[in-house]
Amino acid sequence: MVEGEFAFTEADFRKISAMVHGDAGIHLPEAKATLVYSRLAKRLRALGLTSFKDYCALVAGSDGLDERQKMLAALTTNVTRFFREPHHFDHLRDKVLPPLLDAARRGGRVRIWSAACSSGQEPFSIAMTILSLMPDAADRDVRVLATDIDPNMVAEGRAAEYAPHLLEGIPPDYRKKYTVAAARGGVRMADDVRALVTFNELNLIGDWPMKGKFDAIFCRNVAIYFEDDTQARLWSRFAPLVNNDGALYIGHSERIQGPAAAAFRPDGVTTYRKIEGARA
């Protein structure tokens, strides 16, 4: 199917595609075969395997669960940066947070979920936006949940250290307030930023342990990797978890579809608000 160092047949591709779809809901059309080969060839070399047939046998077996996770991580796109799609953070700061933080000052609860948080730039951008309006937010009942399917990304988020060039999206005044120098020339998010964010592993097509509702959910540039029916189920699962008039932020190439479309109203570019009393 793809010529190269390792034998890679259509049967191999179908097996890998089926496993990725079953595990993470990600749809891999045949046009992605070259990408799959190039990303997983590194894993074959690391394992000393000579064919994708052997690799498929490994990840399909009970002894290959760890490698199956590494396969999924290798095939998952982790493109992220601080304040990516800045209009979402402007909307959060100007329209969503002011009444929520006023309520928090009176003892109210504020919860925001960064779904598919990658290595942490998105939830930390949310946290910095909160702190710009409420410097003592960590002392209030204000928290950001950050989840990702990839344990490596979750670990990077928890470490909260980044190379200096990765901070380019952070406004200069935020960078001065909310980052500190770290070892080996890196930069670390300040303690008050880190205090707002909790990182956990979570598969968006698996079980969700959360019981409470959220005032805003960021799920951006994830659904585009799902088939239409999987996307519709995802939006429908989010809908009951968003408080009335809460916000849902999605990626620039994404649209809410299926029954959940009736539960949200547009409130800006790829920005939606939950309609009071709506069900999905």
Protein backbone atom coordinates (compact mmCIF):
# COMPACT_ATOMS: atom_id res chain seq x y z
CA MET A 1 0.00 0.00 0.00
CA VAL A 2 2.92 2.29 0.86
CA GLU A 3 6.40 1.47 -0.39
CA GLY A 4 9.14 1.84 2.14
CA GLU A 5 11.38 0.20 4.70
CA PHE A 6 8.57 -1.96 6.11
CA ALA A 7 5.90 -4.01 4.39
CA PHE A 8 2.58 -2.18 4.78
CA THR A 9 -0.48 -3.70 3.17
CA GLU A 10 -4.10 -2.62 2.84
CA ALA A 11 -4.98 -5.25 5.43
CA ASP A 12 -2.48 -3.69 7.86
CA PHE A 13 -3.98 -0.25 7.29
CA ARG A 14 -7.53 -1.51 7.81
CA LYS A 15 -6.56 -3.17 11.10
CA ILE A 16 -4.83 -0.04 12.41
CA SER A 17 -7.69 2.18 11.24
CA ALA A 18 -10.25 -0.04 12.96
CA MET A 19 -8.31 -0.01 16.25
CA VAL A 20 -7.90 3.78 16.22
CA HIS A 21 -11.57 4.23 15.40
CA GLY A 22 -12.64 1.83 18.14
CA ASP A 23 -10.34 3.31 20.75
CA ALA A 24 -10.64 7.03 20.02
CA GLY A 25 -13.38 7.53 17.43
CA ILE A 26 -10.85 8.91 14.95
CA HIS A 27 -11.65 8.22 11.30
CA LEU A 28 -8.64 7.38 9.11
CA PRO A 29 -9.52 7.33 5.40
CA GLU A 30 -7.17 5.55 2.97
CA ALA A 31 -5.75 8.94 1.99
CA LYS A 32 -4.04 8.93 5.42
CA ALA A 33 -2.10 5.72 4.70
CA THR A 34 1.19 7.52 4.05
CA LEU A 35 0.81 9.52 7.25
CA VAL A 36 0.09 6.35 9.23
CA TYR A 37 3.15 4.66 7.75
CA SER A 38 5.50 7.56 8.43
CA ARG A 39 4.40 8.03 12.03
CA LEU A 40 4.36 4.36 12.97
CA ALA A 41 7.56 3.39 11.16
CA LYS A 42 9.40 5.02 14.08
CA ARG A 43 7.62 2.66 16.46
CA LEU A 44 8.59 -0.39 14.38
CA ARG A 45 12.23 0.67 14.44
CA ALA A 46 12.11 1.25 18.20
CA LEU A 47 10.64 -2.22 18.71
CA GLY A 48 12.93 -3.97 16.25
CA LEU A 49 10.02 -5.22 14.13
CA THR A 50 10.30 -5.85 10.39
CA SER A 51 6.70 -5.55 9.20
CA PHE A 52 3.41 -3.86 9.98
CA LYS A 53 1.84 -7.31 10.10
CA ASP A 54 3.92 -8.06 13.20
CA TYR A 55 3.12 -4.64 14.63
CA CYS A 56 -0.61 -5.17 14.16
CA ALA A 57 -0.36 -8.53 15.92
CA LEU A 58 1.42 -6.86 18.84
CA VAL A 59 -1.02 -3.98 19.37
CA ALA A 60 -4.04 -6.26 18.94
CA GLY A 61 -2.89 -8.61 21.71
CA SER A 62 -3.20 -8.35 25.48
CA ASP A 63 0.57 -7.86 25.80
CA GLY A 64 0.49 -4.84 23.51
CA LEU A 65 -1.75 -2.46 25.45
CA ASP A 66 1.08 -0.07 26.27
CA GLU A 67 2.20 0.00 22.65
CA ARG A 68 -1.38 0.50 21.52
CA GLN A 69 -1.46 3.68 23.59
CA LYS A 70 1.80 4.78 21.99
CA MET A 71 0.32 4.03 18.56
CA LEU A 72 -2.67 6.23 19.32
CA ALA A 73 -0.41 9.00 20.60
CA ALA A 74 1.70 8.82 17.43
CA LEU A 75 -1.38 9.15 15.23
CA THR A 76 -2.99 11.96 17.21
CA THR A 77 -2.35 15.51 16.07
CA ASN A 78 -1.28 17.72 18.96
CA VAL A 79 -1.18 21.13 17.27
CA THR A 80 -1.74 23.73 19.97
CA ARG A 81 -0.48 27.11 21.13
CA PHE A 82 -1.27 29.71 23.75
CA PHE A 83 -4.33 31.81 22.94
CA ARG A 84 -5.00 29.96 19.70
CA GLU A 85 -8.08 31.47 18.02
CA PRO A 86 -7.89 34.54 20.27
CA HIS A 87 -11.48 35.62 19.61
CA HIS A 88 -12.60 32.79 21.90
CA PHE A 89 -10.58 34.18 24.79
CA ASP A 90 -11.84 37.70 24.08
CA HIS A 91 -15.40 36.36 24.26
CA LEU A 92 -14.64 34.46 27.46
CA ARG A 93 -13.11 37.57 29.06
CA ASP A 94 -15.69 40.10 27.90
CA LYS A 95 -18.97 38.19 27.88
CA VAL A 96 -18.79 34.98 29.89
CA LEU A 97 -16.52 35.57 32.85
CA PRO A 98 -17.67 38.93 34.32
CA PRO A 99 -21.01 37.69 35.74
CA LEU A 100 -19.52 34.35 36.73
CA LEU A 101 -16.67 35.94 38.67
CA ASP A 102 -19.06 38.38 40.33
CA ALA A 103 -20.97 35.34 41.56
CA ALA A 104 -17.71 33.68 42.65
CA ARG A 105 -16.94 36.68 44.85
CA ARG A 106 -20.22 35.94 46.62
CA GLY A 107 -19.31 32.28 47.06
CA GLY A 108 -20.47 30.93 43.70
CA ARG A 109 -18.91 28.07 41.75
CA VAL A 110 -17.21 28.47 38.34
CA ARG A 111 -16.13 25.51 36.22
CA ILE A 112 -14.58 25.48 32.75
CA TRP A 113 -13.57 22.36 30.81
CA SER A 114 -10.74 22.24 28.29
CA ALA A 115 -11.54 19.01 26.46
CA ALA A 116 -8.63 17.63 24.41
CA CYS A 117 -6.23 20.00 26.14
CA SER A 118 -3.08 18.64 24.50
CA SER A 119 0.04 19.83 26.37
CA GLY A 120 -1.76 22.48 28.39
CA GLN A 121 -1.57 25.72 26.42
CA GLU A 122 -5.35 26.01 26.11
CA PRO A 123 -6.29 25.52 29.80
CA PHE A 124 -3.45 27.78 30.91
CA SER A 125 -4.69 30.43 28.47
CA ILE A 126 -8.11 30.11 30.12
CA ALA A 127 -6.52 30.39 33.57
CA MET A 128 -4.58 33.53 32.63
CA THR A 129 -7.76 35.07 31.24
CA ILE A 130 -9.52 34.37 34.54
CA LEU A 131 -6.65 35.81 36.59
CA SER A 132 -6.61 38.98 34.50
CA LEU A 133 -10.10 39.67 35.87
CA MET A 134 -9.78 38.04 39.30
CA PRO A 135 -6.20 37.89 40.64
CA ASP A 136 -7.31 35.88 43.69
CA ALA A 137 -9.27 33.32 41.65
CA ALA A 138 -7.28 30.41 43.10
CA ASP A 139 -8.69 31.30 46.51
CA ARG A 140 -12.26 31.11 45.18
CA ASP A 141 -14.30 28.18 43.91
CA VAL A 142 -13.00 28.67 40.37
CA ARG A 143 -11.40 25.77 38.52
CA VAL A 144 -10.44 24.62 35.03
CA LEU A 145 -10.60 20.93 34.14
CA ALA A 146 -8.10 19.92 31.44
CA THR A 147 -8.41 16.48 29.83
CA ASP A 148 -6.73 14.62 26.99
CA ILE A 149 -6.64 11.05 25.72
CA ASP A 150 -2.82 11.06 25.51
CA PRO A 151 -1.09 10.49 28.88
CA ASN A 152 2.08 12.06 27.50
CA MET A 153 0.22 15.30 26.82
CA VAL A 154 -1.37 15.22 30.28
CA ALA A 155 2.08 14.78 31.84
CA GLU A 156 3.42 17.76 29.87
CA GLY A 157 0.49 19.87 31.01
CA ARG A 158 1.06 18.96 34.63
CA ALA A 159 4.75 19.84 34.31
CA ALA A 160 3.69 23.27 32.97
CA GLU A 161 7.11 24.02 31.48
CA TYR A 162 7.59 25.25 27.94
CA ALA A 163 10.38 26.32 25.63
CA PRO A 164 10.50 30.13 25.32
CA HIS A 165 9.46 30.15 21.65
CA LEU A 166 6.18 28.45 22.59
CA LEU A 167 5.12 31.52 24.59
CA GLU A 168 4.75 33.73 21.51
CA GLY A 169 0.96 33.76 21.70
CA ILE A 170 0.89 35.08 25.27
CA PRO A 171 0.42 38.86 25.50
CA PRO A 172 3.57 40.54 26.94
CA ASP A 173 1.82 41.75 30.11
CA TYR A 174 0.45 38.25 30.76
CA ARG A 175 3.86 36.72 30.14
CA LYS A 176 5.37 39.05 32.74
CA LYS A 177 2.68 38.29 35.33
CA TYR A 178 1.99 34.62 34.80
CA THR A 179 5.28 32.91 33.84
CA VAL A 180 8.57 32.35 35.66
CA ALA A 181 12.01 31.16 34.60
CA ALA A 182 12.58 27.40 34.86
CA ALA A 183 15.60 25.13 34.64
CA ARG A 184 17.49 24.59 31.38
CA GLY A 185 16.28 27.83 29.87
CA GLY A 186 12.62 26.89 29.95
CA VAL A 187 9.64 28.85 31.22
CA ARG A 188 7.13 27.65 33.78
CA MET A 189 3.59 28.76 34.40
CA ALA A 190 3.31 30.68 37.67
CA ASP A 191 1.86 28.99 40.72
CA ASP A 192 -1.41 30.96 40.67
CA VAL A 193 -2.00 29.86 37.07
CA ARG A 194 -1.24 26.22 37.80
CA ALA A 195 -3.44 26.27 40.90
CA LEU A 196 -6.55 26.83 38.77
CA VAL A 197 -6.01 23.86 36.45
CA THR A 198 -6.46 20.13 37.08
CA PHE A 199 -5.22 17.67 34.43
CA ASN A 200 -6.71 14.21 33.88
CA GLU A 201 -6.71 11.56 31.16
CA LEU A 202 -10.06 11.24 29.38
CA ASN A 203 -11.24 9.58 26.18
CA LEU A 204 -14.02 11.72 24.68
CA ILE A 205 -15.78 8.66 23.26
CA GLY A 206 -15.45 6.75 26.54
CA ASP A 207 -17.06 7.20 29.95
CA TRP A 208 -17.06 10.65 31.54
CA PRO A 209 -16.84 10.69 35.35
CA MET A 210 -17.87 14.36 35.73
CA LYS A 211 -21.18 14.92 37.51
CA GLY A 212 -21.36 18.70 37.77
CA LYS A 213 -22.07 21.19 35.00
CA PHE A 214 -19.72 23.64 33.31
CA ASP A 215 -20.02 27.33 32.61
CA ALA A 216 -17.91 26.96 29.47
CA ILE A 217 -16.47 24.08 27.46
CA PHE A 218 -13.63 24.36 24.97
CA CYS A 219 -13.57 21.47 22.49
CA ARG A 220 -11.68 22.79 19.51
CA ASN A 221 -10.24 21.07 16.44
CA VAL A 222 -11.07 17.61 17.74
CA ALA A 223 -14.45 16.76 16.23
CA ILE A 224 -13.04 17.21 12.71
CA TYR A 225 -11.29 13.86 13.15
CA PHE A 226 -14.61 12.10 13.88
CA GLU A 227 -17.26 10.88 11.49
CA ASP A 228 -20.53 12.82 11.40
CA ASP A 229 -22.46 10.47 13.70
CA THR A 230 -19.64 10.49 16.27
CA GLN A 231 -19.54 14.29 16.15
CA ALA A 232 -23.29 14.48 16.69
CA ARG A 233 -23.05 12.17 19.73
CA LEU A 234 -20.22 14.25 21.16
CA TRP A 235 -22.16 17.53 20.90
CA SER A 236 -25.20 15.81 22.43
CA ARG A 237 -23.11 14.64 25.36
CA PHE A 238 -21.77 18.14 25.95
CA ALA A 239 -25.20 19.82 25.86
CA PRO A 240 -26.55 18.62 29.24
CA LEU A 241 -23.22 19.42 30.89
CA VAL A 242 -23.36 23.11 29.95
CA ASN A 243 -25.19 25.48 32.28
CA ASN A 244 -27.92 27.68 30.88
CA ASP A 245 -26.30 30.47 28.84
CA GLY A 246 -22.96 28.68 29.22
CA ALA A 247 -20.49 28.79 26.34
CA LEU A 248 -19.27 26.11 23.96
CA TYR A 249 -16.19 26.96 21.91
CA ILE A 250 -15.37 24.78 18.89
CA GLY A 251 -12.75 24.74 16.12
CA HIS A 252 -12.75 26.96 13.06
CA SER A 253 -13.62 24.04 10.74
CA GLU A 254 -16.29 22.56 12.99
CA ARG A 255 -20.05 23.00 13.28
CA ILE A 256 -22.51 21.69 15.87
CA GLN A 257 -24.73 19.12 14.18
CA GLY A 258 -27.38 16.61 15.15
CA PRO A 259 -29.90 17.06 17.99
CA ALA A 260 -27.52 19.29 19.98
CA ALA A 261 -27.80 22.03 17.35
CA ALA A 262 -31.20 22.94 18.83
CA ALA A 263 -29.66 23.38 22.29
CA PHE A 264 -27.24 26.17 21.37
CA ARG A 265 -27.45 29.60 19.75
CA PRO A 266 -24.55 31.26 17.91
CA ASP A 267 -22.79 34.03 19.83
CA GLY A 268 -19.79 34.77 17.63
CA VAL A 269 -17.40 32.90 15.37
CA THR A 270 -17.48 29.21 16.32
CA THR A 271 -18.90 30.31 19.67
CA TYR A 272 -22.23 29.10 21.05
CA ARG A 273 -24.37 29.69 24.14
CA LYS A 274 -26.65 27.13 25.75
CA ILE A 275 -30.34 27.96 25.30
CA GLU A 276 -32.14 28.01 28.65
CA GLY A 277 -34.07 24.81 29.23
CA ALA A 278 -32.89 23.25 25.95
CA ARG A 279 -32.36 19.51 25.71
CA ALA A 280 -30.24 17.54 23.26
